[in-house]
Amino acid sequence: MLIRIVRMTFAPENVGAFLQLFHDSEDQIRKMPGCRFLELWQDADQPHIYCTHSHWESVEALNTYRRSALFGQVWPATKRLFAAPPLAFSVHPATSAEISSATTIH
């Protein structure tokens, strides 16, 4: 299994648009092959910062989603709302070995 967390910072005026985009697509993402879990977290101290937290059966399942038409629609629309580059973390919980260091997504 792979756990993926993506931390995103939005301009305050773009938070509503992001929440609508997430809620419009979350059921479709959850139905993607290999997606076991998806939720959205809001930073308690900085309400314009959100994290998606997802579990995938494998790296390949995540990559299949990232090559999908759905991702091709959701990610560009989300990127337009960012106030700062997002950070993504991926870990395998079985070994607690980080498979990629924190990366800035462009």
PDB file of N, CA and C in Angstrom:
ATOM      1  N   MET A   1       0.845  -1.177   0.000  1.00  0.00           N
ATOM      2  CA  MET A   1       0.000   0.000   0.000  1.00  0.00           C
ATOM      3  C   MET A   1       0.892   1.242   0.000  1.00  0.00           C
ATOM      4  N   LEU A   2       0.360   2.317  -0.545  1.00  0.00           N
ATOM      5  CA  LEU A   2       1.036   3.602  -0.629  1.00  0.00           C
ATOM      6  C   LEU A   2       0.125   4.662  -0.019  1.00  0.00           C
ATOM      7  N   ILE A   3       0.658   5.471   0.864  1.00  0.00           N
ATOM      8  CA  ILE A   3      -0.082   6.607   1.410  1.00  0.00           C
ATOM      9  C   ILE A   3       0.454   7.863   0.749  1.00  0.00           C
ATOM     10  N   ARG A   4      -0.448   8.698   0.298  1.00  0.00           N
ATOM     11  CA  ARG A   4      -0.074   9.928  -0.414  1.00  0.00           C
ATOM     12  C   ARG A   4      -0.728  11.115   0.282  1.00  0.00           C
ATOM     13  N   ILE A   5       0.073  12.111   0.623  1.00  0.00           N
ATOM     14  CA  ILE A   5      -0.432  13.356   1.197  1.00  0.00           C
ATOM     15  C   ILE A   5       0.062  14.494   0.325  1.00  0.00           C
ATOM     16  N   VAL A   6      -0.862  15.335  -0.092  1.00  0.00           N
ATOM     17  CA  VAL A   6      -0.522  16.508  -0.901  1.00  0.00           C
ATOM     18  C   VAL A   6      -1.001  17.736  -0.134  1.00  0.00           C
ATOM     19  N   ARG A   7      -0.063  18.612   0.221  1.00  0.00           N
ATOM     20  CA  ARG A   7      -0.350  19.846   0.966  1.00  0.00           C
ATOM     21  C   ARG A   7      -0.462  20.990  -0.032  1.00  0.00           C
ATOM     22  N   MET A   8      -1.618  21.676   0.016  1.00  0.00           N
ATOM     23  CA  MET A   8      -1.894  22.735  -0.963  1.00  0.00           C
ATOM     24  C   MET A   8      -2.270  24.030  -0.252  1.00  0.00           C
ATOM     25  N   THR A   9      -1.683  25.120  -0.704  1.00  0.00           N
ATOM     26  CA  THR A   9      -1.964  26.448  -0.159  1.00  0.00           C
ATOM     27  C   THR A   9      -2.715  27.240  -1.210  1.00  0.00           C
ATOM     28  N   PHE A  10      -3.848  27.791  -0.796  1.00  0.00           N
ATOM     29  CA  PHE A  10      -4.697  28.559  -1.704  1.00  0.00           C
ATOM     30  C   PHE A  10      -4.809  30.006  -1.246  1.00  0.00           C
ATOM     31  N   ALA A  11      -5.012  30.894  -2.185  1.00  0.00           N
ATOM     32  CA  ALA A  11      -5.388  32.255  -1.820  1.00  0.00           C
ATOM     33  C   ALA A  11      -6.767  32.150  -1.157  1.00  0.00           C
ATOM     34  N   PRO A  12      -7.019  32.929  -0.106  1.00  0.00           N
ATOM     35  CA  PRO A  12      -8.305  32.816   0.592  1.00  0.00           C
ATOM     36  C   PRO A  12      -9.515  32.901  -0.342  1.00  0.00           C
ATOM     37  N   GLU A  13      -9.419  33.716  -1.368  1.00  0.00           N
ATOM     38  CA  GLU A  13     -10.565  33.859  -2.278  1.00  0.00           C
ATOM     39  C   GLU A  13     -10.759  32.645  -3.188  1.00  0.00           C
ATOM     40  N   ASN A  14      -9.789  31.726  -3.216  1.00  0.00           N
ATOM     41  CA  ASN A  14      -9.892  30.526  -4.054  1.00  0.00           C
ATOM     42  C   ASN A  14     -10.294  29.270  -3.283  1.00  0.00           C
ATOM     43  N   VAL A  15     -10.408  29.364  -1.968  1.00  0.00           N
ATOM     44  CA  VAL A  15     -10.738  28.185  -1.162  1.00  0.00           C
ATOM     45  C   VAL A  15     -12.088  27.606  -1.566  1.00  0.00           C
ATOM     46  N   GLY A  16     -13.086  28.438  -1.736  1.00  0.00           N
ATOM     47  CA  GLY A  16     -14.416  27.955  -2.103  1.00  0.00           C
ATOM     48  C   GLY A  16     -14.409  27.209  -3.429  1.00  0.00           C
ATOM     49  N   ALA A  17     -13.685  27.714  -4.398  1.00  0.00           N
ATOM     50  CA  ALA A  17     -13.602  27.045  -5.702  1.00  0.00           C
ATOM     51  C   ALA A  17     -12.904  25.698  -5.565  1.00  0.00           C
ATOM     52  N   PHE A  18     -11.848  25.648  -4.754  1.00  0.00           N
ATOM     53  CA  PHE A  18     -11.174  24.369  -4.542  1.00  0.00           C
ATOM     54  C   PHE A  18     -12.101  23.362  -3.863  1.00  0.00           C
ATOM     55  N   LEU A  19     -12.796  23.787  -2.818  1.00  0.00           N
ATOM     56  CA  LEU A  19     -13.694  22.865  -2.119  1.00  0.00           C
ATOM     57  C   LEU A  19     -14.770  22.325  -3.050  1.00  0.00           C
ATOM     58  N   GLN A  20     -15.298  23.172  -3.909  1.00  0.00           N
ATOM     59  CA  GLN A  20     -16.304  22.716  -4.870  1.00  0.00           C
ATOM     60  C   GLN A  20     -15.697  21.693  -5.835  1.00  0.00           C
ATOM     61  N   LEU A  21     -14.511  21.981  -6.327  1.00  0.00           N
ATOM     62  CA  LEU A  21     -13.821  21.065  -7.236  1.00  0.00           C
ATOM     63  C   LEU A  21     -13.564  19.719  -6.560  1.00  0.00           C
ATOM     64  N   PHE A  22     -13.092  19.745  -5.321  1.00  0.00           N
ATOM     65  CA  PHE A  22     -12.830  18.503  -4.599  1.00  0.00           C
ATOM     66  C   PHE A  22     -14.121  17.708  -4.408  1.00  0.00           C
ATOM     67  N   HIS A  23     -15.160  18.370  -3.939  1.00  0.00           N
ATOM     68  CA  HIS A  23     -16.416  17.670  -3.674  1.00  0.00           C
ATOM     69  C   HIS A  23     -17.069  17.153  -4.961  1.00  0.00           C
ATOM     70  N   ASP A  24     -16.851  17.834  -6.067  1.00  0.00           N
ATOM     71  CA  ASP A  24     -17.394  17.368  -7.355  1.00  0.00           C
ATOM     72  C   ASP A  24     -16.662  16.138  -7.882  1.00  0.00           C
ATOM     73  N   SER A  25     -15.422  15.940  -7.474  1.00  0.00           N
ATOM     74  CA  SER A  25     -14.622  14.847  -8.034  1.00  0.00           C
ATOM     75  C   SER A  25     -14.288  13.733  -7.040  1.00  0.00           C
ATOM     76  N   GLU A  26     -14.517  13.926  -5.749  1.00  0.00           N
ATOM     77  CA  GLU A  26     -14.056  12.951  -4.761  1.00  0.00           C
ATOM     78  C   GLU A  26     -14.659  11.561  -4.947  1.00  0.00           C
ATOM     79  N   ASP A  27     -15.931  11.449  -5.278  1.00  0.00           N
ATOM     80  CA  ASP A  27     -16.524  10.116  -5.474  1.00  0.00           C
ATOM     81  C   ASP A  27     -15.899   9.400  -6.663  1.00  0.00           C
ATOM     82  N   GLN A  28     -15.612  10.135  -7.725  1.00  0.00           N
ATOM     83  CA  GLN A  28     -14.978   9.533  -8.895  1.00  0.00           C
ATOM     84  C   GLN A  28     -13.557   9.068  -8.575  1.00  0.00           C
ATOM     85  N   ILE A  29     -12.834   9.863  -7.801  1.00  0.00           N
ATOM     86  CA  ILE A  29     -11.472   9.472  -7.424  1.00  0.00           C
ATOM     87  C   ILE A  29     -11.516   8.223  -6.557  1.00  0.00           C
ATOM     88  N   ARG A  30     -12.445   8.180  -5.595  1.00  0.00           N
ATOM     89  CA  ARG A  30     -12.558   7.010  -4.714  1.00  0.00           C
ATOM     90  C   ARG A  30     -12.864   5.734  -5.501  1.00  0.00           C
ATOM     91  N   LYS A  31     -13.511   5.863  -6.651  1.00  0.00           N
ATOM     92  CA  LYS A  31     -13.867   4.708  -7.469  1.00  0.00           C
ATOM     93  C   LYS A  31     -12.751   4.291  -8.425  1.00  0.00           C
ATOM     94  N   MET A  32     -11.664   5.036  -8.473  1.00  0.00           N
ATOM     95  CA  MET A  32     -10.549   4.670  -9.349  1.00  0.00           C
ATOM     96  C   MET A  32      -9.957   3.341  -8.882  1.00  0.00           C
ATOM     97  N   PRO A  33      -9.576   2.479  -9.823  1.00  0.00           N
ATOM     98  CA  PRO A  33      -8.962   1.205  -9.425  1.00  0.00           C
ATOM     99  C   PRO A  33      -7.740   1.437  -8.535  1.00  0.00           C
ATOM    100  N   GLY A  34      -7.734   0.770  -7.404  1.00  0.00           N
ATOM    101  CA  GLY A  34      -6.589   0.871  -6.505  1.00  0.00           C
ATOM    102  C   GLY A  34      -6.706   1.932  -5.434  1.00  0.00           C
ATOM    103  N   CYS A  35      -7.716   2.811  -5.514  1.00  0.00           N
ATOM    104  CA  CYS A  35      -7.893   3.823  -4.466  1.00  0.00           C
ATOM    105  C   CYS A  35      -8.656   3.174  -3.310  1.00  0.00           C
ATOM    106  N   ARG A  36      -8.025   3.132  -2.153  1.00  0.00           N
ATOM    107  CA  ARG A  36      -8.652   2.526  -0.977  1.00  0.00           C
ATOM    108  C   ARG A  36      -9.250   3.563  -0.036  1.00  0.00           C
ATOM    109  N   PHE A  37      -8.766   4.802  -0.108  1.00  0.00           N
ATOM    110  CA  PHE A  37      -9.173   5.802   0.881  1.00  0.00           C
ATOM    111  C   PHE A  37      -8.835   7.185   0.346  1.00  0.00           C
ATOM    112  N   LEU A  38      -9.722   8.143   0.610  1.00  0.00           N
ATOM    113  CA  LEU A  38      -9.461   9.534   0.236  1.00  0.00           C
ATOM    114  C   LEU A  38     -10.197  10.431   1.204  1.00  0.00           C
ATOM    115  N   GLU A  39      -9.485  11.409   1.740  1.00  0.00           N
ATOM    116  CA  GLU A  39     -10.140  12.419   2.561  1.00  0.00           C
ATOM    117  C   GLU A  39      -9.393  13.743   2.415  1.00  0.00           C
ATOM    118  N   LEU A  40     -10.048  14.802   2.863  1.00  0.00           N
ATOM    119  CA  LEU A  40      -9.497  16.152   2.786  1.00  0.00           C
ATOM    120  C   LEU A  40      -9.329  16.679   4.198  1.00  0.00           C
ATOM    121  N   TRP A  41      -8.168  17.237   4.482  1.00  0.00           N
ATOM    122  CA  TRP A  41      -7.895  17.850   5.781  1.00  0.00           C
ATOM    123  C   TRP A  41      -7.729  19.353   5.588  1.00  0.00           C
ATOM    124  N   GLN A  42      -8.193  20.123   6.566  1.00  0.00           N
ATOM    125  CA  GLN A  42      -7.963  21.565   6.578  1.00  0.00           C
ATOM    126  C   GLN A  42      -7.037  21.885   7.743  1.00  0.00           C
ATOM    127  N   ASP A  43      -6.040  22.711   7.506  1.00  0.00           N
ATOM    128  CA  ASP A  43      -5.121  23.134   8.553  1.00  0.00           C
ATOM    129  C   ASP A  43      -5.903  23.975   9.566  1.00  0.00           C
ATOM    130  N   ALA A  44      -5.862  23.580  10.828  1.00  0.00           N
ATOM    131  CA  ALA A  44      -6.623  24.269  11.864  1.00  0.00           C
ATOM    132  C   ALA A  44      -6.124  25.690  12.109  1.00  0.00           C
ATOM    133  N   ASP A  45      -4.842  25.924  11.892  1.00  0.00           N
ATOM    134  CA  ASP A  45      -4.262  27.239  12.150  1.00  0.00           C
ATOM    135  C   ASP A  45      -4.226  28.135  10.917  1.00  0.00           C
ATOM    136  N   GLN A  46      -4.256  27.525   9.748  1.00  0.00           N
ATOM    137  CA  GLN A  46      -4.179  28.273   8.501  1.00  0.00           C
ATOM    138  C   GLN A  46      -5.285  27.757   7.571  1.00  0.00           C
ATOM    139  N   PRO A  47      -6.483  28.323   7.663  1.00  0.00           N
ATOM    140  CA  PRO A  47      -7.641  27.762   6.963  1.00  0.00           C
ATOM    141  C   PRO A  47      -7.574  27.797   5.438  1.00  0.00           C
ATOM    142  N   HIS A  48      -6.541  28.376   4.873  1.00  0.00           N
ATOM    143  CA  HIS A  48      -6.385  28.379   3.411  1.00  0.00           C
ATOM    144  C   HIS A  48      -5.433  27.269   2.953  1.00  0.00           C
ATOM    145  N   ILE A  49      -4.998  26.415   3.902  1.00  0.00           N
ATOM    146  CA  ILE A  49      -4.130  25.282   3.579  1.00  0.00           C
ATOM    147  C   ILE A  49      -4.915  23.983   3.777  1.00  0.00           C
ATOM    148  N   TYR A  50      -4.878  23.138   2.752  1.00  0.00           N
ATOM    149  CA  TYR A  50      -5.582  21.850   2.774  1.00  0.00           C
ATOM    150  C   TYR A  50      -4.611  20.746   2.387  1.00  0.00           C
ATOM    151  N   CYS A  51      -4.919  19.535   2.850  1.00  0.00           N
ATOM    152  CA  CYS A  51      -4.156  18.349   2.455  1.00  0.00           C
ATOM    153  C   CYS A  51      -5.127  17.285   1.981  1.00  0.00           C
ATOM    154  N   THR A  52      -4.797  16.652   0.869  1.00  0.00           N
ATOM    155  CA  THR A  52      -5.499  15.434   0.520  1.00  0.00           C
ATOM    156  C   THR A  52      -4.696  14.282   1.083  1.00  0.00           C
ATOM    157  N   HIS A  53      -5.394  13.318   1.630  1.00  0.00           N
ATOM    158  CA  HIS A  53      -4.793  12.130   2.231  1.00  0.00           C
ATOM    159  C   HIS A  53      -5.440  10.934   1.538  1.00  0.00           C
ATOM    160  N   SER A  54      -4.641  10.169   0.824  1.00  0.00           N
ATOM    161  CA  SER A  54      -5.198   9.031   0.093  1.00  0.00           C
ATOM    162  C   SER A  54      -4.340   7.792   0.305  1.00  0.00           C
ATOM    163  N   HIS A  55      -4.975   6.633   0.164  1.00  0.00           N
ATOM    164  CA  HIS A  55      -4.285   5.339   0.236  1.00  0.00           C
ATOM    165  C   HIS A  55      -4.510   4.649  -1.099  1.00  0.00           C
ATOM    166  N   TRP A  56      -3.439   4.100  -1.653  1.00  0.00           N
ATOM    167  CA  TRP A  56      -3.474   3.408  -2.938  1.00  0.00           C
ATOM    168  C   TRP A  56      -2.908   2.007  -2.774  1.00  0.00           C
ATOM    169  N   GLU A  57      -3.426   1.070  -3.529  1.00  0.00           N
ATOM    170  CA  GLU A  57      -2.944  -0.304  -3.440  1.00  0.00           C
ATOM    171  C   GLU A  57      -1.467  -0.417  -3.784  1.00  0.00           C
ATOM    172  N   SER A  58      -1.003   0.448  -4.682  1.00  0.00           N
ATOM    173  CA  SER A  58       0.385   0.384  -5.129  1.00  0.00           C
ATOM    174  C   SER A  58       0.765   1.699  -5.791  1.00  0.00           C
ATOM    175  N   VAL A  59       2.050   1.847  -6.037  1.00  0.00           N
ATOM    176  CA  VAL A  59       2.534   3.005  -6.792  1.00  0.00           C
ATOM    177  C   VAL A  59       1.909   2.995  -8.185  1.00  0.00           C
ATOM    178  N   GLU A  60       1.805   1.819  -8.785  1.00  0.00           N
ATOM    179  CA  GLU A  60       1.218   1.727 -10.124  1.00  0.00           C
ATOM    180  C   GLU A  60      -0.250   2.166 -10.132  1.00  0.00           C
ATOM    181  N   ALA A  61      -1.007   1.850  -9.075  1.00  0.00           N
ATOM    182  CA  ALA A  61      -2.406   2.297  -8.998  1.00  0.00           C
ATOM    183  C   ALA A  61      -2.476   3.827  -8.961  1.00  0.00           C
ATOM    184  N   LEU A  62      -1.602   4.437  -8.169  1.00  0.00           N
ATOM    185  CA  LEU A  62      -1.551   5.903  -8.129  1.00  0.00           C
ATOM    186  C   LEU A  62      -1.161   6.453  -9.496  1.00  0.00           C
ATOM    187  N   ASN A  63      -0.166   5.862 -10.126  1.00  0.00           N
ATOM    188  CA  ASN A  63       0.265   6.336 -11.439  1.00  0.00           C
ATOM    189  C   ASN A  63      -0.821   6.157 -12.495  1.00  0.00           C
ATOM    190  N   THR A  64      -1.609   5.098 -12.392  1.00  0.00           N
ATOM    191  CA  THR A  64      -2.732   4.907 -13.313  1.00  0.00           C
ATOM    192  C   THR A  64      -3.733   6.042 -13.150  1.00  0.00           C
ATOM    193  N   TYR A  65      -4.033   6.397 -11.904  1.00  0.00           N
ATOM    194  CA  TYR A  65      -4.922   7.544 -11.663  1.00  0.00           C
ATOM    195  C   TYR A  65      -4.304   8.817 -12.243  1.00  0.00           C
ATOM    196  N   ARG A  66      -3.017   9.013 -12.032  1.00  0.00           N
ATOM    197  CA  ARG A  66      -2.367  10.236 -12.499  1.00  0.00           C
ATOM    198  C   ARG A  66      -2.312  10.333 -14.030  1.00  0.00           C
ATOM    199  N   ARG A  67      -2.478   9.193 -14.718  1.00  0.00           N
ATOM    200  CA  ARG A  67      -2.540   9.196 -16.186  1.00  0.00           C
ATOM    201  C   ARG A  67      -3.986   9.256 -16.697  1.00  0.00           C
ATOM    202  N   SER A  68      -4.951   9.248 -15.802  1.00  0.00           N
ATOM    203  CA  SER A  68      -6.360   9.179 -16.198  1.00  0.00           C
ATOM    204  C   SER A  68      -6.898  10.524 -16.680  1.00  0.00           C
ATOM    205  N   ALA A  69      -7.982  10.460 -17.421  1.00  0.00           N
ATOM    206  CA  ALA A  69      -8.662  11.672 -17.881  1.00  0.00           C
ATOM    207  C   ALA A  69      -9.174  12.485 -16.694  1.00  0.00           C
ATOM    208  N   LEU A  70      -9.629  11.806 -15.651  1.00  0.00           N
ATOM    209  CA  LEU A  70     -10.120  12.508 -14.462  1.00  0.00           C
ATOM    210  C   LEU A  70      -9.015  13.369 -13.856  1.00  0.00           C
ATOM    211  N   PHE A  71      -7.838  12.800 -13.646  1.00  0.00           N
ATOM    212  CA  PHE A  71      -6.721  13.571 -13.115  1.00  0.00           C
ATOM    213  C   PHE A  71      -6.373  14.712 -14.070  1.00  0.00           C
ATOM    214  N   GLY A  72      -6.447  14.444 -15.367  1.00  0.00           N
ATOM    215  CA  GLY A  72      -6.161  15.462 -16.375  1.00  0.00           C
ATOM    216  C   GLY A  72      -7.104  16.646 -16.314  1.00  0.00           C
ATOM    217  N   GLN A  73      -8.277  16.453 -15.735  1.00  0.00           N
ATOM    218  CA  GLN A  73      -9.234  17.557 -15.550  1.00  0.00           C
ATOM    219  C   GLN A  73      -9.054  18.219 -14.182  1.00  0.00           C
ATOM    220  N   VAL A  74      -8.938  17.388 -13.142  1.00  0.00           N
ATOM    221  CA  VAL A  74      -8.918  17.903 -11.771  1.00  0.00           C
ATOM    222  C   VAL A  74      -7.622  18.640 -11.446  1.00  0.00           C
ATOM    223  N   TRP A  75      -6.475  18.067 -11.795  1.00  0.00           N
ATOM    224  CA  TRP A  75      -5.205  18.672 -11.398  1.00  0.00           C
ATOM    225  C   TRP A  75      -4.983  20.049 -12.026  1.00  0.00           C
ATOM    226  N   PRO A  76      -5.177  20.246 -13.336  1.00  0.00           N
ATOM    227  CA  PRO A  76      -4.978  21.592 -13.886  1.00  0.00           C
ATOM    228  C   PRO A  76      -5.929  22.625 -13.269  1.00  0.00           C
ATOM    229  N   ALA A  77      -7.166  22.215 -13.008  1.00  0.00           N
ATOM    230  CA  ALA A  77      -8.125  23.146 -12.397  1.00  0.00           C
ATOM    231  C   ALA A  77      -7.695  23.503 -10.974  1.00  0.00           C
ATOM    232  N   THR A  78      -7.141  22.538 -10.250  1.00  0.00           N
ATOM    233  CA  THR A  78      -6.665  22.784  -8.890  1.00  0.00           C
ATOM    234  C   THR A  78      -5.430  23.683  -8.911  1.00  0.00           C
ATOM    235  N   LYS A  79      -4.501  23.396  -9.825  1.00  0.00           N
ATOM    236  CA  LYS A  79      -3.256  24.178  -9.908  1.00  0.00           C
ATOM    237  C   LYS A  79      -3.520  25.664 -10.132  1.00  0.00           C
ATOM    238  N   ARG A  80      -4.563  25.972 -10.873  1.00  0.00           N
ATOM    239  CA  ARG A  80      -4.873  27.387 -11.139  1.00  0.00           C
ATOM    240  C   ARG A  80      -5.247  28.154  -9.869  1.00  0.00           C
ATOM    241  N   LEU A  81      -5.611  27.439  -8.821  1.00  0.00           N
ATOM    242  CA  LEU A  81      -6.078  28.074  -7.583  1.00  0.00           C
ATOM    243  C   LEU A  81      -4.983  28.231  -6.526  1.00  0.00           C
ATOM    244  N   PHE A  82      -3.801  27.666  -6.771  1.00  0.00           N
ATOM    245  CA  PHE A  82      -2.733  27.683  -5.777  1.00  0.00           C
ATOM    246  C   PHE A  82      -2.179  29.085  -5.531  1.00  0.00           C
ATOM    247  N   ALA A  83      -1.815  29.330  -4.263  1.00  0.00           N
ATOM    248  CA  ALA A  83      -1.097  30.544  -3.889  1.00  0.00           C
ATOM    249  C   ALA A  83       0.388  30.253  -3.711  1.00  0.00           C
ATOM    250  N   ALA A  84       0.732  28.962  -3.598  1.00  0.00           N
ATOM    251  CA  ALA A  84       2.122  28.522  -3.434  1.00  0.00           C
ATOM    252  C   ALA A  84       2.226  27.110  -4.002  1.00  0.00           C
ATOM    253  N   PRO A  85       3.413  26.709  -4.411  1.00  0.00           N
ATOM    254  CA  PRO A  85       3.561  25.340  -4.924  1.00  0.00           C
ATOM    255  C   PRO A  85       3.175  24.309  -3.857  1.00  0.00           C
ATOM    256  N   PRO A  86       2.482  23.255  -4.246  1.00  0.00           N
ATOM    257  CA  PRO A  86       2.106  22.215  -3.286  1.00  0.00           C
ATOM    258  C   PRO A  86       3.297  21.317  -2.957  1.00  0.00           C
ATOM    259  N   LEU A  87       3.171  20.611  -1.859  1.00  0.00           N
ATOM    260  CA  LEU A  87       4.156  19.602  -1.466  1.00  0.00           C
ATOM    261  C   LEU A  87       3.465  18.251  -1.456  1.00  0.00           C
ATOM    262  N   ALA A  88       4.158  17.218  -1.927  1.00  0.00           N
ATOM    263  CA  ALA A  88       3.595  15.877  -1.942  1.00  0.00           C
ATOM    264  C   ALA A  88       4.524  14.922  -1.210  1.00  0.00           C
ATOM    265  N   PHE A  89       3.934  14.030  -0.437  1.00  0.00           N
ATOM    266  CA  PHE A  89       4.666  13.013   0.299  1.00  0.00           C
ATOM    267  C   PHE A  89       4.047  11.665  -0.016  1.00  0.00           C
ATOM    268  N   SER A  90       4.871  10.654  -0.266  1.00  0.00           N
ATOM    269  CA  SER A  90       4.399   9.298  -0.498  1.00  0.00           C
ATOM    270  C   SER A  90       5.194   8.363   0.398  1.00  0.00           C
ATOM    271  N   VAL A  91       4.497   7.487   1.122  1.00  0.00           N
ATOM    272  CA  VAL A  91       5.176   6.536   2.000  1.00  0.00           C
ATOM    273  C   VAL A  91       4.511   5.175   1.899  1.00  0.00           C
ATOM    274  N   HIS A  92       5.295   4.137   2.127  1.00  0.00           N
ATOM    275  CA  HIS A  92       4.804   2.771   2.281  1.00  0.00           C
ATOM    276  C   HIS A  92       4.681   2.529   3.776  1.00  0.00           C
ATOM    277  N   PRO A  93       3.482   2.354   4.318  1.00  0.00           N
ATOM    278  CA  PRO A  93       3.357   2.198   5.766  1.00  0.00           C
ATOM    279  C   PRO A  93       3.909   0.880   6.292  1.00  0.00           C
ATOM    280  N   ALA A  94       3.960  -0.169   5.492  1.00  0.00           N
ATOM    281  CA  ALA A  94       4.420  -1.468   5.970  1.00  0.00           C
ATOM    282  C   ALA A  94       5.874  -1.415   6.432  1.00  0.00           C
ATOM    283  N   THR A  95       6.683  -0.619   5.758  1.00  0.00           N
ATOM    284  CA  THR A  95       8.092  -0.528   6.110  1.00  0.00           C
ATOM    285  C   THR A  95       8.448   0.820   6.699  1.00  0.00           C
ATOM    286  N   SER A  96       7.512   1.743   6.655  1.00  0.00           N
ATOM    287  CA  SER A  96       7.738   3.118   7.085  1.00  0.00           C
ATOM    288  C   SER A  96       8.880   3.766   6.321  1.00  0.00           C
ATOM    289  N   ALA A  97       9.262   3.171   5.219  1.00  0.00           N
ATOM    290  CA  ALA A  97      10.340   3.737   4.404  1.00  0.00           C
ATOM    291  C   ALA A  97       9.753   4.775   3.473  1.00  0.00           C
ATOM    292  N   GLU A  98      10.295   5.946   3.513  1.00  0.00           N
ATOM    293  CA  GLU A  98       9.822   6.991   2.618  1.00  0.00           C
ATOM    294  C   GLU A  98      10.309   6.659   1.213  1.00  0.00           C
ATOM    295  N   ILE A  99       9.363   6.649   0.247  1.00  0.00           N
ATOM    296  CA  ILE A  99       9.777   6.280  -1.101  1.00  0.00           C
ATOM    297  C   ILE A  99      10.145   7.485  -1.943  1.00  0.00           C
ATOM    298  N   SER A 100       9.762   8.652  -1.482  1.00  0.00           N
ATOM    299  CA  SER A 100      10.225   9.859  -2.160  1.00  0.00           C
ATOM    300  C   SER A 100      10.272  10.975  -1.140  1.00  0.00           C
ATOM    301  N   SER A 101      11.277  11.770  -1.195  1.00  0.00           N
ATOM    302  CA  SER A 101      11.365  12.885  -0.264  1.00  0.00           C
ATOM    303  C   SER A 101      10.307  13.909  -0.627  1.00  0.00           C
ATOM    304  N   ALA A 102      10.075  14.832   0.255  1.00  0.00           N
ATOM    305  CA  ALA A 102       9.107  15.890  -0.022  1.00  0.00           C
ATOM    306  C   ALA A 102       9.511  16.583  -1.313  1.00  0.00           C
ATOM    307  N   THR A 103       8.554  16.752  -2.175  1.00  0.00           N
ATOM    308  CA  THR A 103       8.848  17.357  -3.467  1.00  0.00           C
ATOM    309  C   THR A 103       7.887  18.480  -3.738  1.00  0.00           C
ATOM    310  N   THR A 104       8.360  19.476  -4.406  1.00  0.00           N
ATOM    311  CA  THR A 104       7.505  20.552  -4.886  1.00  0.00           C
ATOM    312  C   THR A 104       6.940  20.106  -6.210  1.00  0.00           C
ATOM    313  N   ILE A 105       5.631  20.232  -6.361  1.00  0.00           N
ATOM    314  CA  ILE A 105       4.977  19.822  -7.600  1.00  0.00           C
ATOM    315  C   ILE A 105       4.810  21.046  -8.487  1.00  0.00           C
ATOM    316  N   HIS A 106       5.188  20.931  -9.712  1.00  0.00           N
ATOM    317  CA  HIS A 106       5.052  22.061 -10.652  1.00  0.00           C
ATOM    318  C   HIS A 106       4.002  21.744 -11.684  1.00  0.00           C
TER     319      HIS A 106
END
